[in-house]
Amino acid sequence: MKRTKQMQGFVDSLAENISGQTLTKSQSKVVCAFCLQPAVNFKDALSAKEYTISGLCQTCQDEVFGG
């Protein structure tokens, strides 16, 4: 997902406040931006796409959006 520089700064800051790591850094390490666990197994293509947007692993997606 293409974000403006300002929007990327906002989501990086939000993730850093929650987990101590920016969304950009989490995604470069392929870990969840919130729980910092590996983010490699997703239920479906939509969940994998959601990771590119929010940085949430499948477990965190299920907790946030309902499993």
PDB file of N, CA and C in Angstrom:
ATOM      1  N   MET A   1       0.843  -1.178   0.000  1.00  0.00           N
ATOM      2  CA  MET A   1       0.000   0.000   0.000  1.00  0.00           C
ATOM      3  C   MET A   1       0.888   1.240   0.000  1.00  0.00           C
ATOM      4  N   LYS A   2       0.612   2.125  -0.902  1.00  0.00           N
ATOM      5  CA  LYS A   2       1.387   3.365  -1.007  1.00  0.00           C
ATOM      6  C   LYS A   2       0.791   4.407  -0.071  1.00  0.00           C
ATOM      7  N   ARG A   3       1.622   4.921   0.836  1.00  0.00           N
ATOM      8  CA  ARG A   3       1.190   5.949   1.776  1.00  0.00           C
ATOM      9  C   ARG A   3       1.975   7.224   1.541  1.00  0.00           C
ATOM     10  N   THR A   4       1.366   8.344   1.900  1.00  0.00           N
ATOM     11  CA  THR A   4       2.115   9.590   1.857  1.00  0.00           C
ATOM     12  C   THR A   4       3.177   9.531   2.953  1.00  0.00           C
ATOM     13  N   LYS A   5       4.157  10.376   2.845  1.00  0.00           N
ATOM     14  CA  LYS A   5       5.229  10.428   3.844  1.00  0.00           C
ATOM     15  C   LYS A   5       4.654  10.737   5.229  1.00  0.00           C
ATOM     16  N   GLN A   6       3.675  11.633   5.281  1.00  0.00           N
ATOM     17  CA  GLN A   6       3.057  11.986   6.562  1.00  0.00           C
ATOM     18  C   GLN A   6       2.296  10.799   7.159  1.00  0.00           C
ATOM     19  N   MET A   7       1.534  10.085   6.322  1.00  0.00           N
ATOM     20  CA  MET A   7       0.767   8.939   6.813  1.00  0.00           C
ATOM     21  C   MET A   7       1.710   7.837   7.291  1.00  0.00           C
ATOM     22  N   GLN A   8       2.793   7.580   6.554  1.00  0.00           N
ATOM     23  CA  GLN A   8       3.744   6.556   6.978  1.00  0.00           C
ATOM     24  C   GLN A   8       4.373   6.945   8.307  1.00  0.00           C
ATOM     25  N   GLY A   9       4.692   8.219   8.479  1.00  0.00           N
ATOM     26  CA  GLY A   9       5.233   8.690   9.750  1.00  0.00           C
ATOM     27  C   GLY A   9       4.264   8.466  10.892  1.00  0.00           C
ATOM     28  N   PHE A  10       2.967   8.681  10.621  1.00  0.00           N
ATOM     29  CA  PHE A  10       1.943   8.474  11.644  1.00  0.00           C
ATOM     30  C   PHE A  10       1.845   7.002  12.045  1.00  0.00           C
ATOM     31  N   VAL A  11       1.739   6.095  11.063  1.00  0.00           N
ATOM     32  CA  VAL A  11       1.599   4.681  11.410  1.00  0.00           C
ATOM     33  C   VAL A  11       2.879   4.135  12.038  1.00  0.00           C
ATOM     34  N   ASP A  12       4.032   4.622  11.602  1.00  0.00           N
ATOM     35  CA  ASP A  12       5.284   4.209  12.244  1.00  0.00           C
ATOM     36  C   ASP A  12       5.315   4.654  13.700  1.00  0.00           C
ATOM     37  N   SER A  13       4.888   5.867  13.944  1.00  0.00           N
ATOM     38  CA  SER A  13       4.863   6.404  15.306  1.00  0.00           C
ATOM     39  C   SER A  13       3.880   5.636  16.184  1.00  0.00           C
ATOM     40  N   LEU A  14       2.712   5.332  15.645  1.00  0.00           N
ATOM     41  CA  LEU A  14       1.705   4.579  16.394  1.00  0.00           C
ATOM     42  C   LEU A  14       2.238   3.205  16.789  1.00  0.00           C
ATOM     43  N   ALA A  15       2.787   2.483  15.830  1.00  0.00           N
ATOM     44  CA  ALA A  15       3.333   1.157  16.112  1.00  0.00           C
ATOM     45  C   ALA A  15       4.484   1.244  17.108  1.00  0.00           C
ATOM     46  N   GLU A  16       5.323   2.249  16.966  1.00  0.00           N
ATOM     47  CA  GLU A  16       6.463   2.402  17.878  1.00  0.00           C
ATOM     48  C   GLU A  16       5.982   2.667  19.308  1.00  0.00           C
ATOM     49  N   ASN A  17       4.919   3.435  19.451  1.00  0.00           N
ATOM     50  CA  ASN A  17       4.365   3.690  20.784  1.00  0.00           C
ATOM     51  C   ASN A  17       3.792   2.427  21.414  1.00  0.00           C
ATOM     52  N   ILE A  18       3.280   1.521  20.599  1.00  0.00           N
ATOM     53  CA  ILE A  18       2.672   0.295  21.111  1.00  0.00           C
ATOM     54  C   ILE A  18       3.720  -0.781  21.381  1.00  0.00           C
ATOM     55  N   SER A  19       4.609  -1.006  20.419  1.00  0.00           N
ATOM     56  CA  SER A  19       5.533  -2.144  20.539  1.00  0.00           C
ATOM     57  C   SER A  19       6.999  -1.747  20.678  1.00  0.00           C
ATOM     58  N   GLY A  20       7.300  -0.461  20.513  1.00  0.00           N
ATOM     59  CA  GLY A  20       8.686  -0.028  20.579  1.00  0.00           C
ATOM     60  C   GLY A  20       9.418  -0.164  19.258  1.00  0.00           C
ATOM     61  N   GLN A  21       8.670  -0.505  18.196  1.00  0.00           N
ATOM     62  CA  GLN A  21       9.277  -0.697  16.877  1.00  0.00           C
ATOM     63  C   GLN A  21       8.338  -0.126  15.816  1.00  0.00           C
ATOM     64  N   THR A  22       8.880   0.559  14.833  1.00  0.00           N
ATOM     65  CA  THR A  22       8.035   1.140  13.790  1.00  0.00           C
ATOM     66  C   THR A  22       7.425   0.050  12.909  1.00  0.00           C
ATOM     67  N   LEU A  23       6.346   0.404  12.227  1.00  0.00           N
ATOM     68  CA  LEU A  23       5.715  -0.516  11.285  1.00  0.00           C
ATOM     69  C   LEU A  23       6.693  -0.880  10.176  1.00  0.00           C
ATOM     70  N   THR A  24       7.407   0.091   9.666  1.00  0.00           N
ATOM     71  CA  THR A  24       8.383  -0.150   8.602  1.00  0.00           C
ATOM     72  C   THR A  24       9.432  -1.168   9.044  1.00  0.00           C
ATOM     73  N   LYS A  25       9.957  -0.999  10.240  1.00  0.00           N
ATOM     74  CA  LYS A  25      10.980  -1.917  10.747  1.00  0.00           C
ATOM     75  C   LYS A  25      10.394  -3.303  10.995  1.00  0.00           C
ATOM     76  N   SER A  26       9.199  -3.363  11.565  1.00  0.00           N
ATOM     77  CA  SER A  26       8.543  -4.653  11.812  1.00  0.00           C
ATOM     78  C   SER A  26       8.338  -5.414  10.509  1.00  0.00           C
ATOM     79  N   GLN A  27       7.815  -4.723   9.504  1.00  0.00           N
ATOM     80  CA  GLN A  27       7.558  -5.392   8.233  1.00  0.00           C
ATOM     81  C   GLN A  27       8.852  -5.805   7.539  1.00  0.00           C
ATOM     82  N   SER A  28       9.921  -5.061   7.717  1.00  0.00           N
ATOM     83  CA  SER A  28      11.190  -5.468   7.110  1.00  0.00           C
ATOM     84  C   SER A  28      11.731  -6.734   7.773  1.00  0.00           C
ATOM     85  N   LYS A  29      11.351  -6.949   9.032  1.00  0.00           N
ATOM     86  CA  LYS A  29      11.758  -8.159   9.763  1.00  0.00           C
ATOM     87  C   LYS A  29      10.711  -9.266   9.657  1.00  0.00           C
ATOM     88  N   VAL A  30       9.576  -8.986   9.010  1.00  0.00           N
ATOM     89  CA  VAL A  30       8.439  -9.886   8.847  1.00  0.00           C
ATOM     90  C   VAL A  30       7.926 -10.362  10.219  1.00  0.00           C
ATOM     91  N   VAL A  31       7.739  -9.383  11.093  1.00  0.00           N
ATOM     92  CA  VAL A  31       7.135  -9.654  12.400  1.00  0.00           C
ATOM     93  C   VAL A  31       5.934  -8.729  12.578  1.00  0.00           C
ATOM     94  N   CYS A  32       5.081  -9.069  13.515  1.00  0.00           N
ATOM     95  CA  CYS A  32       3.900  -8.272  13.813  1.00  0.00           C
ATOM     96  C   CYS A  32       4.322  -6.945  14.452  1.00  0.00           C
ATOM     97  N   ALA A  33       3.710  -5.869  14.014  1.00  0.00           N
ATOM     98  CA  ALA A  33       4.034  -4.547  14.542  1.00  0.00           C
ATOM     99  C   ALA A  33       3.559  -4.360  15.980  1.00  0.00           C
ATOM    100  N   PHE A  34       2.722  -5.259  16.475  1.00  0.00           N
ATOM    101  CA  PHE A  34       2.182  -5.104  17.814  1.00  0.00           C
ATOM    102  C   PHE A  34       2.712  -6.138  18.797  1.00  0.00           C
ATOM    103  N   CYS A  35       2.734  -7.420  18.424  1.00  0.00           N
ATOM    104  CA  CYS A  35       3.215  -8.448  19.365  1.00  0.00           C
ATOM    105  C   CYS A  35       4.652  -8.875  19.075  1.00  0.00           C
ATOM    106  N   LEU A  36       5.189  -8.457  17.932  1.00  0.00           N
ATOM    107  CA  LEU A  36       6.571  -8.744  17.507  1.00  0.00           C
ATOM    108  C   LEU A  36       6.845 -10.222  17.236  1.00  0.00           C
ATOM    109  N   GLN A  37       5.795 -11.020  17.082  1.00  0.00           N
ATOM    110  CA  GLN A  37       5.945 -12.432  16.713  1.00  0.00           C
ATOM    111  C   GLN A  37       6.032 -12.532  15.190  1.00  0.00           C
ATOM    112  N   PRO A  38       6.596 -13.627  14.659  1.00  0.00           N
ATOM    113  CA  PRO A  38       6.679 -13.782  13.203  1.00  0.00           C
ATOM    114  C   PRO A  38       5.306 -13.641  12.544  1.00  0.00           C
ATOM    115  N   ALA A  39       5.285 -12.979  11.416  1.00  0.00           N
ATOM    116  CA  ALA A  39       4.040 -12.763  10.671  1.00  0.00           C
ATOM    117  C   ALA A  39       4.174 -13.439   9.313  1.00  0.00           C
ATOM    118  N   VAL A  40       4.061 -14.764   9.316  1.00  0.00           N
ATOM    119  CA  VAL A  40       4.278 -15.515   8.085  1.00  0.00           C
ATOM    120  C   VAL A  40       3.105 -16.398   7.684  1.00  0.00           C
ATOM    121  N   ASN A  41       2.262 -16.780   8.612  1.00  0.00           N
ATOM    122  CA  ASN A  41       1.145 -17.672   8.300  1.00  0.00           C
ATOM    123  C   ASN A  41      -0.175 -16.923   8.409  1.00  0.00           C
ATOM    124  N   PHE A  42      -0.880 -16.846   7.281  1.00  0.00           N
ATOM    125  CA  PHE A  42      -2.159 -16.153   7.233  1.00  0.00           C
ATOM    126  C   PHE A  42      -3.235 -17.094   6.723  1.00  0.00           C
ATOM    127  N   LYS A  43      -4.468 -16.854   7.147  1.00  0.00           N
ATOM    128  CA  LYS A  43      -5.601 -17.703   6.765  1.00  0.00           C
ATOM    129  C   LYS A  43      -5.894 -17.645   5.271  1.00  0.00           C
ATOM    130  N   ASP A  44      -5.735 -16.451   4.704  1.00  0.00           N
ATOM    131  CA  ASP A  44      -6.094 -16.264   3.300  1.00  0.00           C
ATOM    132  C   ASP A  44      -5.376 -15.037   2.746  1.00  0.00           C
ATOM    133  N   ALA A  45      -5.592 -14.786   1.459  1.00  0.00           N
ATOM    134  CA  ALA A  45      -4.921 -13.670   0.787  1.00  0.00           C
ATOM    135  C   ALA A  45      -5.335 -12.321   1.377  1.00  0.00           C
ATOM    136  N   LEU A  46      -6.594 -12.201   1.809  1.00  0.00           N
ATOM    137  CA  LEU A  46      -7.056 -10.944   2.389  1.00  0.00           C
ATOM    138  C   LEU A  46      -6.338 -10.652   3.704  1.00  0.00           C
ATOM    139  N   SER A  47      -6.118 -11.669   4.513  1.00  0.00           N
ATOM    140  CA  SER A  47      -5.387 -11.485   5.772  1.00  0.00           C
ATOM    141  C   SER A  47      -3.927 -11.123   5.511  1.00  0.00           C
ATOM    142  N   ALA A  48      -3.333 -11.722   4.499  1.00  0.00           N
ATOM    143  CA  ALA A  48      -1.953 -11.385   4.137  1.00  0.00           C
ATOM    144  C   ALA A  48      -1.882  -9.944   3.653  1.00  0.00           C
ATOM    145  N   LYS A  49      -2.884  -9.499   2.892  1.00  0.00           N
ATOM    146  CA  LYS A  49      -2.919  -8.112   2.433  1.00  0.00           C
ATOM    147  C   LYS A  49      -3.083  -7.166   3.619  1.00  0.00           C
ATOM    148  N   GLU A  50      -3.901  -7.551   4.591  1.00  0.00           N
ATOM    149  CA  GLU A  50      -4.101  -6.723   5.784  1.00  0.00           C
ATOM    150  C   GLU A  50      -2.772  -6.510   6.503  1.00  0.00           C
ATOM    151  N   TYR A  51      -1.907  -7.517   6.515  1.00  0.00           N
ATOM    152  CA  TYR A  51      -0.587  -7.364   7.129  1.00  0.00           C
ATOM    153  C   TYR A  51       0.191  -6.224   6.469  1.00  0.00           C
ATOM    154  N   THR A  52       0.079  -6.100   5.153  1.00  0.00           N
ATOM    155  CA  THR A  52       0.811  -5.036   4.464  1.00  0.00           C
ATOM    156  C   THR A  52       0.266  -3.656   4.830  1.00  0.00           C
ATOM    157  N   ILE A  53      -0.981  -3.605   5.283  1.00  0.00           N
ATOM    158  CA  ILE A  53      -1.605  -2.338   5.662  1.00  0.00           C
ATOM    159  C   ILE A  53      -1.360  -2.015   7.132  1.00  0.00           C
ATOM    160  N   SER A  54      -1.668  -2.974   8.003  1.00  0.00           N
ATOM    161  CA  SER A  54      -1.636  -2.711   9.452  1.00  0.00           C
ATOM    162  C   SER A  54      -0.407  -3.254  10.157  1.00  0.00           C
ATOM    163  N   GLY A  55       0.242  -4.258   9.555  1.00  0.00           N
ATOM    164  CA  GLY A  55       1.376  -4.885  10.211  1.00  0.00           C
ATOM    165  C   GLY A  55       0.982  -5.910  11.254  1.00  0.00           C
ATOM    166  N   LEU A  56      -0.306  -6.278  11.289  1.00  0.00           N
ATOM    167  CA  LEU A  56      -0.795  -7.242  12.278  1.00  0.00           C
ATOM    168  C   LEU A  56      -0.634  -8.674  11.787  1.00  0.00           C
ATOM    169  N   CYS A  57      -0.108  -9.546  12.649  1.00  0.00           N
ATOM    170  CA  CYS A  57      -0.040 -10.970  12.335  1.00  0.00           C
ATOM    171  C   CYS A  57      -1.458 -11.548  12.384  1.00  0.00           C
ATOM    172  N   GLN A  58      -1.625 -12.801  12.015  1.00  0.00           N
ATOM    173  CA  GLN A  58      -2.955 -13.402  11.990  1.00  0.00           C
ATOM    174  C   GLN A  58      -3.598 -13.414  13.369  1.00  0.00           C
ATOM    175  N   THR A  59      -2.828 -13.752  14.392  1.00  0.00           N
ATOM    176  CA  THR A  59      -3.370 -13.788  15.755  1.00  0.00           C
ATOM    177  C   THR A  59      -3.886 -12.420  16.176  1.00  0.00           C
ATOM    178  N   CYS A  60      -3.110 -11.380  15.940  1.00  0.00           N
ATOM    179  CA  CYS A  60      -3.535 -10.022  16.309  1.00  0.00           C
ATOM    180  C   CYS A  60      -4.710  -9.558  15.460  1.00  0.00           C
ATOM    181  N   GLN A  61      -4.721  -9.931  14.161  1.00  0.00           N
ATOM    182  CA  GLN A  61      -5.873  -9.601  13.324  1.00  0.00           C
ATOM    183  C   GLN A  61      -7.133 -10.224  13.896  1.00  0.00           C
ATOM    184  N   ASP A  62      -7.046 -11.484  14.298  1.00  0.00           N
ATOM    185  CA  ASP A  62      -8.209 -12.165  14.867  1.00  0.00           C
ATOM    186  C   ASP A  62      -8.686 -11.491  16.141  1.00  0.00           C
ATOM    187  N   GLU A  63      -7.754 -11.029  16.951  1.00  0.00           N
ATOM    188  CA  GLU A  63      -8.128 -10.346  18.193  1.00  0.00           C
ATOM    189  C   GLU A  63      -8.764  -8.981  17.919  1.00  0.00           C
ATOM    190  N   VAL A  64      -8.239  -8.260  16.955  1.00  0.00           N
ATOM    191  CA  VAL A  64      -8.739  -6.917  16.645  1.00  0.00           C
ATOM    192  C   VAL A  64     -10.060  -6.981  15.861  1.00  0.00           C
ATOM    193  N   PHE A  65     -10.091  -7.820  14.838  1.00  0.00           N
ATOM    194  CA  PHE A  65     -11.244  -7.842  13.928  1.00  0.00           C
ATOM    195  C   PHE A  65     -12.212  -8.990  14.216  1.00  0.00           C
ATOM    196  N   GLY A  66     -11.850  -9.863  15.136  1.00  0.00           N
ATOM    197  CA  GLY A  66     -12.677 -11.041  15.421  1.00  0.00           C
ATOM    198  C   GLY A  66     -12.224 -12.211  14.566  1.00  0.00           C
ATOM    199  N   GLY A  67     -12.116 -13.365  15.193  1.00  0.00           N
ATOM    200  CA  GLY A  67     -11.575 -14.531  14.495  1.00  0.00           C
ATOM    201  C   GLY A  67     -12.612 -15.340  13.854  1.00  0.00           C
TER     202      GLY A  67
END
